[in-house]
């Protein structure tokens, strides 16, 4: 399994999920010196910073478990950097999208567990 391609595929699926649920994706893969945020999206009330983690089914750790305290801190610093550059009066929120990939004889099957207000 190509890790980079699988991760991007997971991010693409999460972006499509957000759009389907009324969110506008404003930025993908925002990077600064503190780290990276996979997806930044907004609706009328919130601006959300989404960490997407994609893992194979039956991995040692679940995708959500891999967003540990240190990772959360980097995401929050990166979000502060983004908000310092872009005017936004919306309430920020931090979500985690846990994508699990299962290899089947017909190809790959993706399962999304979307966690709002993850931290």
PDB file of N, CA and C in Angstrom:
ATOM      1  N   UNK A   1       0.850  -1.181   0.000  1.00  0.00           N
ATOM      2  CA  UNK A   1       0.000   0.000   0.000  1.00  0.00           C
ATOM      3  C   UNK A   1       0.889   1.236   0.000  1.00  0.00           C
ATOM      4  N   UNK A   2       0.656   2.141  -0.914  1.00  0.00           N
ATOM      5  CA  UNK A   2       1.392   3.390  -0.995  1.00  0.00           C
ATOM      6  C   UNK A   2       0.852   4.341   0.071  1.00  0.00           C
ATOM      7  N   UNK A   3       1.653   4.616   1.090  1.00  0.00           N
ATOM      8  CA  UNK A   3       1.196   5.391   2.245  1.00  0.00           C
ATOM      9  C   UNK A   3       0.757   6.793   1.853  1.00  0.00           C
ATOM     10  N   UNK A   4       1.545   7.476   1.026  1.00  0.00           N
ATOM     11  CA  UNK A   4       1.196   8.842   0.619  1.00  0.00           C
ATOM     12  C   UNK A   4      -0.098   8.899  -0.166  1.00  0.00           C
ATOM     13  N   UNK A   5      -0.255   7.981  -1.108  1.00  0.00           N
ATOM     14  CA  UNK A   5      -1.470   7.954  -1.929  1.00  0.00           C
ATOM     15  C   UNK A   5      -2.685   7.577  -1.094  1.00  0.00           C
ATOM     16  N   UNK A   6      -2.524   6.649  -0.163  1.00  0.00           N
ATOM     17  CA  UNK A   6      -3.636   6.246   0.692  1.00  0.00           C
ATOM     18  C   UNK A   6      -4.041   7.394   1.612  1.00  0.00           C
ATOM     19  N   UNK A   7      -3.065   8.101   2.162  1.00  0.00           N
ATOM     20  CA  UNK A   7      -3.362   9.252   3.013  1.00  0.00           C
ATOM     21  C   UNK A   7      -4.090  10.343   2.257  1.00  0.00           C
ATOM     22  N   UNK A   8      -3.646  10.625   1.036  1.00  0.00           N
ATOM     23  CA  UNK A   8      -4.317  11.630   0.222  1.00  0.00           C
ATOM     24  C   UNK A   8      -5.734  11.188  -0.128  1.00  0.00           C
ATOM     25  N   UNK A   9      -5.892   9.916  -0.417  1.00  0.00           N
ATOM     26  CA  UNK A   9      -7.227   9.391  -0.723  1.00  0.00           C
ATOM     27  C   UNK A   9      -8.150   9.547   0.490  1.00  0.00           C
ATOM     28  N   UNK A  10      -7.620   9.301   1.676  1.00  0.00           N
ATOM     29  CA  UNK A  10      -8.403   9.508   2.900  1.00  0.00           C
ATOM     30  C   UNK A  10      -8.800  10.964   3.057  1.00  0.00           C
ATOM     31  N   UNK A  11      -7.868  11.881   2.810  1.00  0.00           N
ATOM     32  CA  UNK A  11      -8.160  13.315   2.900  1.00  0.00           C
ATOM     33  C   UNK A  11      -9.205  13.729   1.869  1.00  0.00           C
ATOM     34  N   UNK A  12      -9.098  13.189   0.652  1.00  0.00           N
ATOM     35  CA  UNK A  12     -10.079  13.501  -0.393  1.00  0.00           C
ATOM     36  C   UNK A  12     -11.478  13.061   0.032  1.00  0.00           C
ATOM     37  N   UNK A  13     -11.580  11.904   0.641  1.00  0.00           N
ATOM     38  CA  UNK A  13     -12.880  11.391   1.089  1.00  0.00           C
ATOM     39  C   UNK A  13     -13.454  12.248   2.212  1.00  0.00           C
ATOM     40  N   UNK A  14     -12.596  12.701   3.105  1.00  0.00           N
ATOM     41  CA  UNK A  14     -13.067  13.558   4.196  1.00  0.00           C
ATOM     42  C   UNK A  14     -13.523  14.910   3.651  1.00  0.00           C
ATOM     43  N   UNK A  15     -12.782  15.475   2.714  1.00  0.00           N
ATOM     44  CA  UNK A  15     -13.179  16.745   2.103  1.00  0.00           C
ATOM     45  C   UNK A  15     -14.540  16.599   1.417  1.00  0.00           C
ATOM     46  N   UNK A  16     -14.750  15.489   0.714  1.00  0.00           N
ATOM     47  CA  UNK A  16     -16.041  15.242   0.054  1.00  0.00           C
ATOM     48  C   UNK A  16     -17.154  15.088   1.090  1.00  0.00           C
ATOM     49  N   UNK A  17     -16.855  14.403   2.187  1.00  0.00           N
ATOM     50  CA  UNK A  17     -17.826  14.233   3.278  1.00  0.00           C
ATOM     51  C   UNK A  17     -18.233  15.596   3.844  1.00  0.00           C
ATOM     52  N   UNK A  18     -17.252  16.456   4.069  1.00  0.00           N
ATOM     53  CA  UNK A  18     -17.550  17.787   4.617  1.00  0.00           C
ATOM     54  C   UNK A  18     -18.419  18.596   3.652  1.00  0.00           C
ATOM     55  N   UNK A  19     -18.055  18.596   2.389  1.00  0.00           N
ATOM     56  CA  UNK A  19     -18.848  19.338   1.395  1.00  0.00           C
ATOM     57  C   UNK A  19     -20.283  18.813   1.344  1.00  0.00           C
ATOM     58  N   UNK A  20     -20.429  17.504   1.381  1.00  0.00           N
ATOM     59  CA  UNK A  20     -21.756  16.878   1.354  1.00  0.00           C
ATOM     60  C   UNK A  20     -22.599  17.302   2.561  1.00  0.00           C
ATOM     61  N   UNK A  21     -21.925  17.620   3.657  1.00  0.00           N
ATOM     62  CA  UNK A  21     -22.619  18.011   4.881  1.00  0.00           C
ATOM     63  C   UNK A  21     -22.654  19.524   5.090  1.00  0.00           C
ATOM     64  N   UNK A  22     -22.476  20.285   4.015  1.00  0.00           N
ATOM     65  CA  UNK A  22     -22.685  21.725   4.060  1.00  0.00           C
ATOM     66  C   UNK A  22     -21.490  22.578   4.426  1.00  0.00           C
ATOM     67  N   UNK A  23     -20.324  22.001   4.509  1.00  0.00           N
ATOM     68  CA  UNK A  23     -19.116  22.753   4.837  1.00  0.00           C
ATOM     69  C   UNK A  23     -18.436  23.231   3.560  1.00  0.00           C
ATOM     70  N   UNK A  24     -17.780  24.362   3.661  1.00  0.00           N
ATOM     71  CA  UNK A  24     -16.967  24.875   2.572  1.00  0.00           C
ATOM     72  C   UNK A  24     -15.499  24.651   2.942  1.00  0.00           C
ATOM     73  N   UNK A  25     -14.800  23.870   2.143  1.00  0.00           N
ATOM     74  CA  UNK A  25     -13.379  23.619   2.394  1.00  0.00           C
ATOM     75  C   UNK A  25     -12.609  24.826   1.875  1.00  0.00           C
ATOM     76  N   UNK A  26     -11.940  25.533   2.801  1.00  0.00           N
ATOM     77  CA  UNK A  26     -11.240  26.757   2.413  1.00  0.00           C
ATOM     78  C   UNK A  26      -9.743  26.551   2.201  1.00  0.00           C
ATOM     79  N   UNK A  27      -9.186  25.500   2.796  1.00  0.00           N
ATOM     80  CA  UNK A  27      -7.742  25.271   2.660  1.00  0.00           C
ATOM     81  C   UNK A  27      -7.449  23.803   2.974  1.00  0.00           C
ATOM     82  N   UNK A  28      -6.536  23.256   2.193  1.00  0.00           N
ATOM     83  CA  UNK A  28      -6.053  21.898   2.463  1.00  0.00           C
ATOM     84  C   UNK A  28      -4.543  21.951   2.621  1.00  0.00           C
ATOM     85  N   UNK A  29      -4.056  21.167   3.557  1.00  0.00           N
ATOM     86  CA  UNK A  29      -2.620  21.040   3.813  1.00  0.00           C
ATOM     87  C   UNK A  29      -1.955  22.378   4.099  1.00  0.00           C
ATOM     88  N   UNK A  30      -2.549  23.150   5.009  1.00  0.00           N
ATOM     89  CA  UNK A  30      -1.934  24.411   5.443  1.00  0.00           C
ATOM     90  C   UNK A  30      -0.712  24.084   6.286  1.00  0.00           C
ATOM     91  N   UNK A  31       0.420  24.687   5.917  1.00  0.00           N
ATOM     92  CA  UNK A  31       1.664  24.444   6.633  1.00  0.00           C
ATOM     93  C   UNK A  31       2.261  25.742   7.147  1.00  0.00           C
ATOM     94  N   UNK A  32       2.855  25.639   8.314  1.00  0.00           N
ATOM     95  CA  UNK A  32       3.652  26.734   8.866  1.00  0.00           C
ATOM     96  C   UNK A  32       4.757  26.093   9.693  1.00  0.00           C
ATOM     97  N   UNK A  33       5.510  26.890  10.419  1.00  0.00           N
ATOM     98  CA  UNK A  33       6.650  26.342  11.169  1.00  0.00           C
ATOM     99  C   UNK A  33       6.235  25.406  12.298  1.00  0.00           C
ATOM    100  N   UNK A  34       4.960  25.477  12.724  1.00  0.00           N
ATOM    101  CA  UNK A  34       4.496  24.635  13.827  1.00  0.00           C
ATOM    102  C   UNK A  34       4.030  23.260  13.362  1.00  0.00           C
ATOM    103  N   UNK A  35       3.588  23.171  12.113  1.00  0.00           N
ATOM    104  CA  UNK A  35       3.086  21.893  11.622  1.00  0.00           C
ATOM    105  C   UNK A  35       2.162  22.075  10.441  1.00  0.00           C
ATOM    106  N   UNK A  36       1.251  21.133  10.292  1.00  0.00           N
ATOM    107  CA  UNK A  36       0.330  21.129   9.161  1.00  0.00           C
ATOM    108  C   UNK A  36      -1.075  20.796   9.635  1.00  0.00           C
ATOM    109  N   UNK A  37      -2.050  21.419   8.993  1.00  0.00           N
ATOM    110  CA  UNK A  37      -3.455  21.079   9.207  1.00  0.00           C
ATOM    111  C   UNK A  37      -3.960  20.531   7.884  1.00  0.00           C
ATOM    112  N   UNK A  38      -4.556  19.344   7.952  1.00  0.00           N
ATOM    113  CA  UNK A  38      -4.980  18.668   6.728  1.00  0.00           C
ATOM    114  C   UNK A  38      -6.104  19.403   6.010  1.00  0.00           C
ATOM    115  N   UNK A  39      -7.157  19.763   6.744  1.00  0.00           N
ATOM    116  CA  UNK A  39      -8.300  20.432   6.122  1.00  0.00           C
ATOM    117  C   UNK A  39      -8.794  21.555   7.031  1.00  0.00           C
ATOM    118  N   UNK A  40      -9.035  22.708   6.436  1.00  0.00           N
ATOM    119  CA  UNK A  40      -9.683  23.822   7.133  1.00  0.00           C
ATOM    120  C   UNK A  40     -10.979  24.085   6.380  1.00  0.00           C
ATOM    121  N   UNK A  41     -12.085  24.069   7.113  1.00  0.00           N
ATOM    122  CA  UNK A  41     -13.399  24.262   6.486  1.00  0.00           C
ATOM    123  C   UNK A  41     -14.236  25.173   7.374  1.00  0.00           C
ATOM    124  N   UNK A  42     -15.297  25.722   6.782  1.00  0.00           N
ATOM    125  CA  UNK A  42     -16.162  26.594   7.577  1.00  0.00           C
ATOM    126  C   UNK A  42     -17.612  26.493   7.114  1.00  0.00           C
ATOM    127  N   UNK A  43     -18.478  26.833   8.043  1.00  0.00           N
ATOM    128  CA  UNK A  43     -19.888  27.046   7.732  1.00  0.00           C
ATOM    129  C   UNK A  43     -20.256  28.397   8.336  1.00  0.00           C
ATOM    130  N   UNK A  44     -21.524  28.667   8.522  1.00  0.00           N
ATOM    131  CA  UNK A  44     -21.900  29.993   9.039  1.00  0.00           C
ATOM    132  C   UNK A  44     -21.446  30.228  10.480  1.00  0.00           C
ATOM    133  N   UNK A  45     -21.301  29.164  11.251  1.00  0.00           N
ATOM    134  CA  UNK A  45     -21.002  29.297  12.673  1.00  0.00           C
ATOM    135  C   UNK A  45     -19.553  28.993  13.054  1.00  0.00           C
ATOM    136  N   UNK A  46     -18.949  27.999  12.419  1.00  0.00           N
ATOM    137  CA  UNK A  46     -17.636  27.498  12.833  1.00  0.00           C
ATOM    138  C   UNK A  46     -16.602  27.562  11.715  1.00  0.00           C
ATOM    139  N   UNK A  47     -15.356  27.637  12.158  1.00  0.00           N
ATOM    140  CA  UNK A  47     -14.222  27.303  11.302  1.00  0.00           C
ATOM    141  C   UNK A  47     -13.614  26.069  11.961  1.00  0.00           C
ATOM    142  N   UNK A  48     -13.451  25.014  11.169  1.00  0.00           N
ATOM    143  CA  UNK A  48     -12.951  23.774  11.757  1.00  0.00           C
ATOM    144  C   UNK A  48     -11.570  23.441  11.187  1.00  0.00           C
ATOM    145  N   UNK A  49     -10.762  22.885  12.059  1.00  0.00           N
ATOM    146  CA  UNK A  49      -9.430  22.417  11.720  1.00  0.00           C
ATOM    147  C   UNK A  49      -9.468  20.899  11.875  1.00  0.00           C
ATOM    148  N   UNK A  50      -9.335  20.209  10.767  1.00  0.00           N
ATOM    149  CA  UNK A  50      -9.547  18.765  10.750  1.00  0.00           C
ATOM    150  C   UNK A  50      -8.224  18.030  10.550  1.00  0.00           C
ATOM    151  N   UNK A  51      -7.925  17.158  11.479  1.00  0.00           N
ATOM    152  CA  UNK A  51      -6.778  16.263  11.356  1.00  0.00           C
ATOM    153  C   UNK A  51      -7.307  14.944  10.796  1.00  0.00           C
ATOM    154  N   UNK A  52      -6.776  14.541   9.648  1.00  0.00           N
ATOM    155  CA  UNK A  52      -7.200  13.300   9.011  1.00  0.00           C
ATOM    156  C   UNK A  52      -6.118  12.251   9.250  1.00  0.00           C
ATOM    157  N   UNK A  53      -6.512  11.132   9.823  1.00  0.00           N
ATOM    158  CA  UNK A  53      -5.586  10.018  10.026  1.00  0.00           C
ATOM    159  C   UNK A  53      -6.145   8.798   9.320  1.00  0.00           C
ATOM    160  N   UNK A  54      -5.329   8.220   8.450  1.00  0.00           N
ATOM    161  CA  UNK A  54      -5.737   7.048   7.690  1.00  0.00           C
ATOM    162  C   UNK A  54      -4.839   5.881   8.091  1.00  0.00           C
ATOM    163  N   UNK A  55      -5.462   4.769   8.427  1.00  0.00           N
ATOM    164  CA  UNK A  55      -4.727   3.570   8.835  1.00  0.00           C
ATOM    165  C   UNK A  55      -5.348   2.337   8.190  1.00  0.00           C
ATOM    166  N   UNK A  56      -4.536   1.308   8.044  1.00  0.00           N
ATOM    167  CA  UNK A  56      -5.039   0.022   7.581  1.00  0.00           C
ATOM    168  C   UNK A  56      -5.903  -0.595   8.683  1.00  0.00           C
ATOM    169  N   UNK A  57      -6.872  -1.371   8.263  1.00  0.00           N
ATOM    170  CA  UNK A  57      -7.686  -2.108   9.232  1.00  0.00           C
ATOM    171  C   UNK A  57      -6.757  -3.038  10.023  1.00  0.00           C
ATOM    172  N   UNK A  58      -7.010  -3.162  11.305  1.00  0.00           N
ATOM    173  CA  UNK A  58      -6.228  -4.014  12.214  1.00  0.00           C
ATOM    174  C   UNK A  58      -4.814  -3.499  12.462  1.00  0.00           C
ATOM    175  N   UNK A  59      -4.590  -2.173  12.316  1.00  0.00           N
ATOM    176  CA  UNK A  59      -3.298  -1.594  12.680  1.00  0.00           C
ATOM    177  C   UNK A  59      -3.133  -1.638  14.190  1.00  0.00           C
ATOM    178  N   UNK A  60      -1.907  -1.476  14.653  1.00  0.00           N
ATOM    179  CA  UNK A  60      -1.653  -1.513  16.097  1.00  0.00           C
ATOM    180  C   UNK A  60      -2.387  -0.402  16.837  1.00  0.00           C
ATOM    181  N   UNK A  61      -2.465   0.767  16.232  1.00  0.00           N
ATOM    182  CA  UNK A  61      -3.215   1.873  16.833  1.00  0.00           C
ATOM    183  C   UNK A  61      -4.300   2.314  15.864  1.00  0.00           C
ATOM    184  N   UNK A  62      -5.400   2.747  16.431  1.00  0.00           N
ATOM    185  CA  UNK A  62      -6.473   3.255  15.577  1.00  0.00           C
ATOM    186  C   UNK A  62      -6.069   4.634  15.069  1.00  0.00           C
ATOM    187  N   UNK A  63      -6.701   5.085  13.995  1.00  0.00           N
ATOM    188  CA  UNK A  63      -6.368   6.418  13.493  1.00  0.00           C
ATOM    189  C   UNK A  63      -6.574   7.510  14.552  1.00  0.00           C
ATOM    190  N   UNK A  64      -7.660   7.441  15.290  1.00  0.00           N
ATOM    191  CA  UNK A  64      -7.953   8.480  16.288  1.00  0.00           C
ATOM    192  C   UNK A  64      -6.929   8.469  17.422  1.00  0.00           C
ATOM    193  N   UNK A  65      -6.466   7.292  17.818  1.00  0.00           N
ATOM    194  CA  UNK A  65      -5.486   7.200  18.907  1.00  0.00           C
ATOM    195  C   UNK A  65      -4.156   7.853  18.552  1.00  0.00           C
ATOM    196  N   UNK A  66      -3.866   7.951  17.278  1.00  0.00           N
ATOM    197  CA  UNK A  66      -2.580   8.519  16.865  1.00  0.00           C
ATOM    198  C   UNK A  66      -2.541  10.040  16.977  1.00  0.00           C
ATOM    199  N   UNK A  67      -3.686  10.659  17.265  1.00  0.00           N
ATOM    200  CA  UNK A  67      -3.713  12.118  17.472  1.00  0.00           C
ATOM    201  C   UNK A  67      -3.519  12.349  18.975  1.00  0.00           C
ATOM    202  N   UNK A  68      -2.270  12.231  19.406  1.00  0.00           N
ATOM    203  CA  UNK A  68      -1.945  12.339  20.826  1.00  0.00           C
ATOM    204  C   UNK A  68      -1.839  13.805  21.273  1.00  0.00           C
ATOM    205  N   UNK A  69      -1.519  13.999  22.539  1.00  0.00           N
ATOM    206  CA  UNK A  69      -1.471  15.346  23.116  1.00  0.00           C
ATOM    207  C   UNK A  69      -0.475  16.246  22.387  1.00  0.00           C
ATOM    208  N   UNK A  70       0.714  15.721  22.087  1.00  0.00           N
ATOM    209  CA  UNK A  70       1.723  16.536  21.389  1.00  0.00           C
ATOM    210  C   UNK A  70       1.222  16.953  20.004  1.00  0.00           C
ATOM    211  N   UNK A  71       0.568  16.037  19.289  1.00  0.00           N
ATOM    212  CA  UNK A  71       0.018  16.350  17.973  1.00  0.00           C
ATOM    213  C   UNK A  71      -1.075  17.407  18.095  1.00  0.00           C
ATOM    214  N   UNK A  72      -1.922  17.281  19.108  1.00  0.00           N
ATOM    215  CA  UNK A  72      -2.975  18.266  19.340  1.00  0.00           C
ATOM    216  C   UNK A  72      -2.393  19.651  19.584  1.00  0.00           C
ATOM    217  N   UNK A  73      -1.322  19.726  20.339  1.00  0.00           N
ATOM    218  CA  UNK A  73      -0.676  21.009  20.620  1.00  0.00           C
ATOM    219  C   UNK A  73      -0.145  21.643  19.341  1.00  0.00           C
ATOM    220  N   UNK A  74       0.482  20.836  18.480  1.00  0.00           N
ATOM    221  CA  UNK A  74       0.994  21.355  17.202  1.00  0.00           C
ATOM    222  C   UNK A  74      -0.149  21.846  16.308  1.00  0.00           C
ATOM    223  N   UNK A  75      -1.246  21.111  16.304  1.00  0.00           N
ATOM    224  CA  UNK A  75      -2.401  21.525  15.501  1.00  0.00           C
ATOM    225  C   UNK A  75      -2.954  22.852  16.006  1.00  0.00           C
ATOM    226  N   UNK A  76      -3.051  23.005  17.322  1.00  0.00           N
ATOM    227  CA  UNK A  76      -3.576  24.259  17.886  1.00  0.00           C
ATOM    228  C   UNK A  76      -2.656  25.440  17.568  1.00  0.00           C
ATOM    229  N   UNK A  77      -1.348  25.243  17.657  1.00  0.00           N
ATOM    230  CA  UNK A  77      -0.409  26.312  17.300  1.00  0.00           C
ATOM    231  C   UNK A  77      -0.511  26.660  15.816  1.00  0.00           C
ATOM    232  N   UNK A  78      -0.656  25.651  14.992  1.00  0.00           N
ATOM    233  CA  UNK A  78      -0.800  25.878  13.551  1.00  0.00           C
ATOM    234  C   UNK A  78      -2.089  26.623  13.254  1.00  0.00           C
ATOM    235  N   UNK A  79      -3.166  26.276  13.951  1.00  0.00           N
ATOM    236  CA  UNK A  79      -4.449  26.979  13.781  1.00  0.00           C
ATOM    237  C   UNK A  79      -4.328  28.438  14.211  1.00  0.00           C
ATOM    238  N   UNK A  80      -3.627  28.690  15.303  1.00  0.00           N
ATOM    239  CA  UNK A  80      -3.409  30.083  15.748  1.00  0.00           C
ATOM    240  C   UNK A  80      -2.648  30.858  14.682  1.00  0.00           C
ATOM    241  N   UNK A  81      -1.652  30.233  14.095  1.00  0.00           N
ATOM    242  CA  UNK A  81      -0.892  30.888  13.030  1.00  0.00           C
ATOM    243  C   UNK A  81      -1.810  31.210  11.850  1.00  0.00           C
ATOM    244  N   UNK A  82      -2.634  30.263  11.449  1.00  0.00           N
ATOM    245  CA  UNK A  82      -3.568  30.487  10.337  1.00  0.00           C
ATOM    246  C   UNK A  82      -4.507  31.645  10.655  1.00  0.00           C
ATOM    247  N   UNK A  83      -5.087  31.627  11.856  1.00  0.00           N
ATOM    248  CA  UNK A  83      -6.053  32.669  12.235  1.00  0.00           C
ATOM    249  C   UNK A  83      -5.399  34.043  12.364  1.00  0.00           C
ATOM    250  N   UNK A  84      -4.095  34.081  12.631  1.00  0.00           N
ATOM    251  CA  UNK A  84      -3.405  35.368  12.705  1.00  0.00           C
ATOM    252  C   UNK A  84      -3.216  35.989  11.316  1.00  0.00           C
ATOM    253  N   UNK A  85      -3.329  35.166  10.282  1.00  0.00           N
ATOM    254  CA  UNK A  85      -3.126  35.624   8.911  1.00  0.00           C
ATOM    255  C   UNK A  85      -4.425  35.859   8.153  1.00  0.00           C
ATOM    256  N   UNK A  86      -5.519  35.266   8.643  1.00  0.00           N
ATOM    257  CA  UNK A  86      -6.804  35.327   7.947  1.00  0.00           C
ATOM    258  C   UNK A  86      -7.857  35.851   8.919  1.00  0.00           C
ATOM    259  N   UNK A  87      -8.559  36.903   8.533  1.00  0.00           N
ATOM    260  CA  UNK A  87      -9.598  37.448   9.405  1.00  0.00           C
ATOM    261  C   UNK A  87     -10.768  36.468   9.462  1.00  0.00           C
ATOM    262  N   UNK A  88     -11.149  36.092  10.670  1.00  0.00           N
ATOM    263  CA  UNK A  88     -12.274  35.170  10.844  1.00  0.00           C
ATOM    264  C   UNK A  88     -12.872  35.385  12.225  1.00  0.00           C
ATOM    265  N   UNK A  89     -14.160  35.642  12.275  1.00  0.00           N
ATOM    266  CA  UNK A  89     -14.843  35.830  13.559  1.00  0.00           C
ATOM    267  C   UNK A  89     -15.602  34.592  14.004  1.00  0.00           C
ATOM    268  N   UNK A  90     -15.443  33.505  13.293  1.00  0.00           N
ATOM    269  CA  UNK A  90     -16.175  32.280  13.610  1.00  0.00           C
ATOM    270  C   UNK A  90     -15.506  31.526  14.755  1.00  0.00           C
ATOM    271  N   UNK A  91     -16.301  30.733  15.432  1.00  0.00           N
ATOM    272  CA  UNK A  91     -15.811  29.914  16.536  1.00  0.00           C
ATOM    273  C   UNK A  91     -14.940  28.784  15.984  1.00  0.00           C
ATOM    274  N   UNK A  92     -13.697  28.660  16.454  1.00  0.00           N
ATOM    275  CA  UNK A  92     -12.857  27.555  15.979  1.00  0.00           C
ATOM    276  C   UNK A  92     -13.241  26.236  16.655  1.00  0.00           C
ATOM    277  N   UNK A  93     -13.017  25.151  15.928  1.00  0.00           N
ATOM    278  CA  UNK A  93     -13.302  23.818  16.451  1.00  0.00           C
ATOM    279  C   UNK A  93     -12.267  22.869  15.881  1.00  0.00           C
ATOM    280  N   UNK A  94     -11.885  21.879  16.662  1.00  0.00           N
ATOM    281  CA  UNK A  94     -10.879  20.904  16.250  1.00  0.00           C
ATOM    282  C   UNK A  94     -11.529  19.522  16.143  1.00  0.00           C
ATOM    283  N   UNK A  95     -11.521  18.993  14.934  1.00  0.00           N
ATOM    284  CA  UNK A  95     -12.127  17.696  14.656  1.00  0.00           C
ATOM    285  C   UNK A  95     -11.059  16.708  14.210  1.00  0.00           C
ATOM    286  N   UNK A  96     -11.372  15.424  14.353  1.00  0.00           N
ATOM    287  CA  UNK A  96     -10.500  14.361  13.860  1.00  0.00           C
ATOM    288  C   UNK A  96     -11.321  13.462  12.946  1.00  0.00           C
ATOM    289  N   UNK A  97     -10.777  13.172  11.789  1.00  0.00           N
ATOM    290  CA  UNK A  97     -11.391  12.236  10.857  1.00  0.00           C
ATOM    291  C   UNK A  97     -10.523  10.987  10.826  1.00  0.00           C
ATOM    292  N   UNK A  98     -11.075   9.903  11.361  1.00  0.00           N
ATOM    293  CA  UNK A  98     -10.353   8.633  11.417  1.00  0.00           C
ATOM    294  C   UNK A  98     -10.814   7.762  10.249  1.00  0.00           C
ATOM    295  N   UNK A  99      -9.906   7.520   9.323  1.00  0.00           N
ATOM    296  CA  UNK A  99     -10.229   6.742   8.132  1.00  0.00           C
ATOM    297  C   UNK A  99      -9.525   5.393   8.228  1.00  0.00           C
ATOM    298  N   UNK A 100     -10.307   4.336   8.083  1.00  0.00           N
ATOM    299  CA  UNK A 100      -9.753   2.986   8.104  1.00  0.00           C
ATOM    300  C   UNK A 100      -9.874   2.387   6.705  1.00  0.00           C
ATOM    301  N   UNK A 101      -8.788   1.801   6.234  1.00  0.00           N
ATOM    302  CA  UNK A 101      -8.747   1.211   4.892  1.00  0.00           C
ATOM    303  C   UNK A 101      -8.666  -0.308   5.016  1.00  0.00           C
ATOM    304  N   UNK A 102      -9.548  -0.955   4.293  1.00  0.00           N
ATOM    305  CA  UNK A 102      -9.528  -2.417   4.249  1.00  0.00           C
ATOM    306  C   UNK A 102      -9.268  -2.847   2.809  1.00  0.00           C
ATOM    307  N   UNK A 103      -8.257  -3.671   2.638  1.00  0.00           N
ATOM    308  CA  UNK A 103      -7.949  -4.196   1.307  1.00  0.00           C
ATOM    309  C   UNK A 103      -8.850  -5.407   1.072  1.00  0.00           C
ATOM    310  N   UNK A 104      -9.597  -5.375  -0.018  1.00  0.00           N
ATOM    311  CA  UNK A 104     -10.460  -6.492  -0.383  1.00  0.00           C
ATOM    312  C   UNK A 104     -10.059  -6.986  -1.766  1.00  0.00           C
ATOM    313  N   UNK A 105     -10.634  -8.083  -2.166  1.00  0.00           N
ATOM    314  CA  UNK A 105     -10.310  -8.612  -3.499  1.00  0.00           C
ATOM    315  C   UNK A 105     -10.814  -7.688  -4.601  1.00  0.00           C
ATOM    316  N   UNK A 106     -11.799  -6.843  -4.269  1.00  0.00           N
ATOM    317  CA  UNK A 106     -12.348  -5.893  -5.243  1.00  0.00           C
ATOM    318  C   UNK A 106     -11.667  -4.529  -5.193  1.00  0.00           C
ATOM    319  N   UNK A 107     -10.702  -4.372  -4.333  1.00  0.00           N
ATOM    320  CA  UNK A 107     -10.014  -3.082  -4.184  1.00  0.00           C
ATOM    321  C   UNK A 107      -9.987  -2.653  -2.731  1.00  0.00           C
ATOM    322  N   UNK A 108      -9.973  -1.356  -2.512  1.00  0.00           N
ATOM    323  CA  UNK A 108      -9.921  -0.813  -1.154  1.00  0.00           C
ATOM    324  C   UNK A 108     -11.309  -0.360  -0.726  1.00  0.00           C
ATOM    325  N   UNK A 109     -11.606  -0.582   0.541  1.00  0.00           N
ATOM    326  CA  UNK A 109     -12.853  -0.107   1.125  1.00  0.00           C
ATOM    327  C   UNK A 109     -12.480   0.834   2.280  1.00  0.00           C
ATOM    328  N   UNK A 110     -13.077   2.023   2.283  1.00  0.00           N
ATOM    329  CA  UNK A 110     -12.775   3.041   3.291  1.00  0.00           C
ATOM    330  C   UNK A 110     -13.935   3.171   4.268  1.00  0.00           C
ATOM    331  N   UNK A 111     -13.595   3.337   5.553  1.00  0.00           N
ATOM    332  CA  UNK A 111     -14.593   3.601   6.587  1.00  0.00           C
ATOM    333  C   UNK A 111     -14.187   4.895   7.294  1.00  0.00           C
ATOM    334  N   UNK A 112     -15.131   5.822   7.430  1.00  0.00           N
ATOM    335  CA  UNK A 112     -14.850   7.118   8.074  1.00  0.00           C
ATOM    336  C   UNK A 112     -15.563   7.213   9.408  1.00  0.00           C
ATOM    337  N   UNK A 113     -14.796   7.531  10.437  1.00  0.00           N
ATOM    338  CA  UNK A 113     -15.342   7.842  11.766  1.00  0.00           C
ATOM    339  C   UNK A 113     -14.984   9.298  12.014  1.00  0.00           C
ATOM    340  N   UNK A 114     -15.986  10.191  11.956  1.00  0.00           N
ATOM    341  CA  UNK A 114     -15.744  11.623  12.087  1.00  0.00           C
ATOM    342  C   UNK A 114     -16.052  12.060  13.513  1.00  0.00           C
ATOM    343  N   UNK A 115     -15.056  12.655  14.177  1.00  0.00           N
ATOM    344  CA  UNK A 115     -15.191  13.049  15.585  1.00  0.00           C
ATOM    345  C   UNK A 115     -15.185  14.574  15.677  1.00  0.00           C
ATOM    346  N   UNK A 116     -16.348  15.152  15.996  1.00  0.00           N
ATOM    347  CA  UNK A 116     -16.450  16.600  16.194  1.00  0.00           C
ATOM    348  C   UNK A 116     -15.937  16.959  17.585  1.00  0.00           C
ATOM    349  N   UNK A 117     -15.364  18.158  17.721  1.00  0.00           N
ATOM    350  CA  UNK A 117     -14.841  18.625  19.012  1.00  0.00           C
ATOM    351  C   UNK A 117     -13.942  17.572  19.656  1.00  0.00           C
ATOM    352  N   UNK A 118     -13.026  17.037  18.884  1.00  0.00           N
ATOM    353  CA  UNK A 118     -12.173  15.960  19.367  1.00  0.00           C
ATOM    354  C   UNK A 118     -11.246  16.409  20.513  1.00  0.00           C
ATOM    355  N   UNK A 119     -10.849  17.672  20.472  1.00  0.00           N
ATOM    356  CA  UNK A 119      -9.998  18.215  21.552  1.00  0.00           C
ATOM    357  C   UNK A 119     -10.147  19.699  21.620  1.00  0.00           C
TER     358      UNK A 119
END
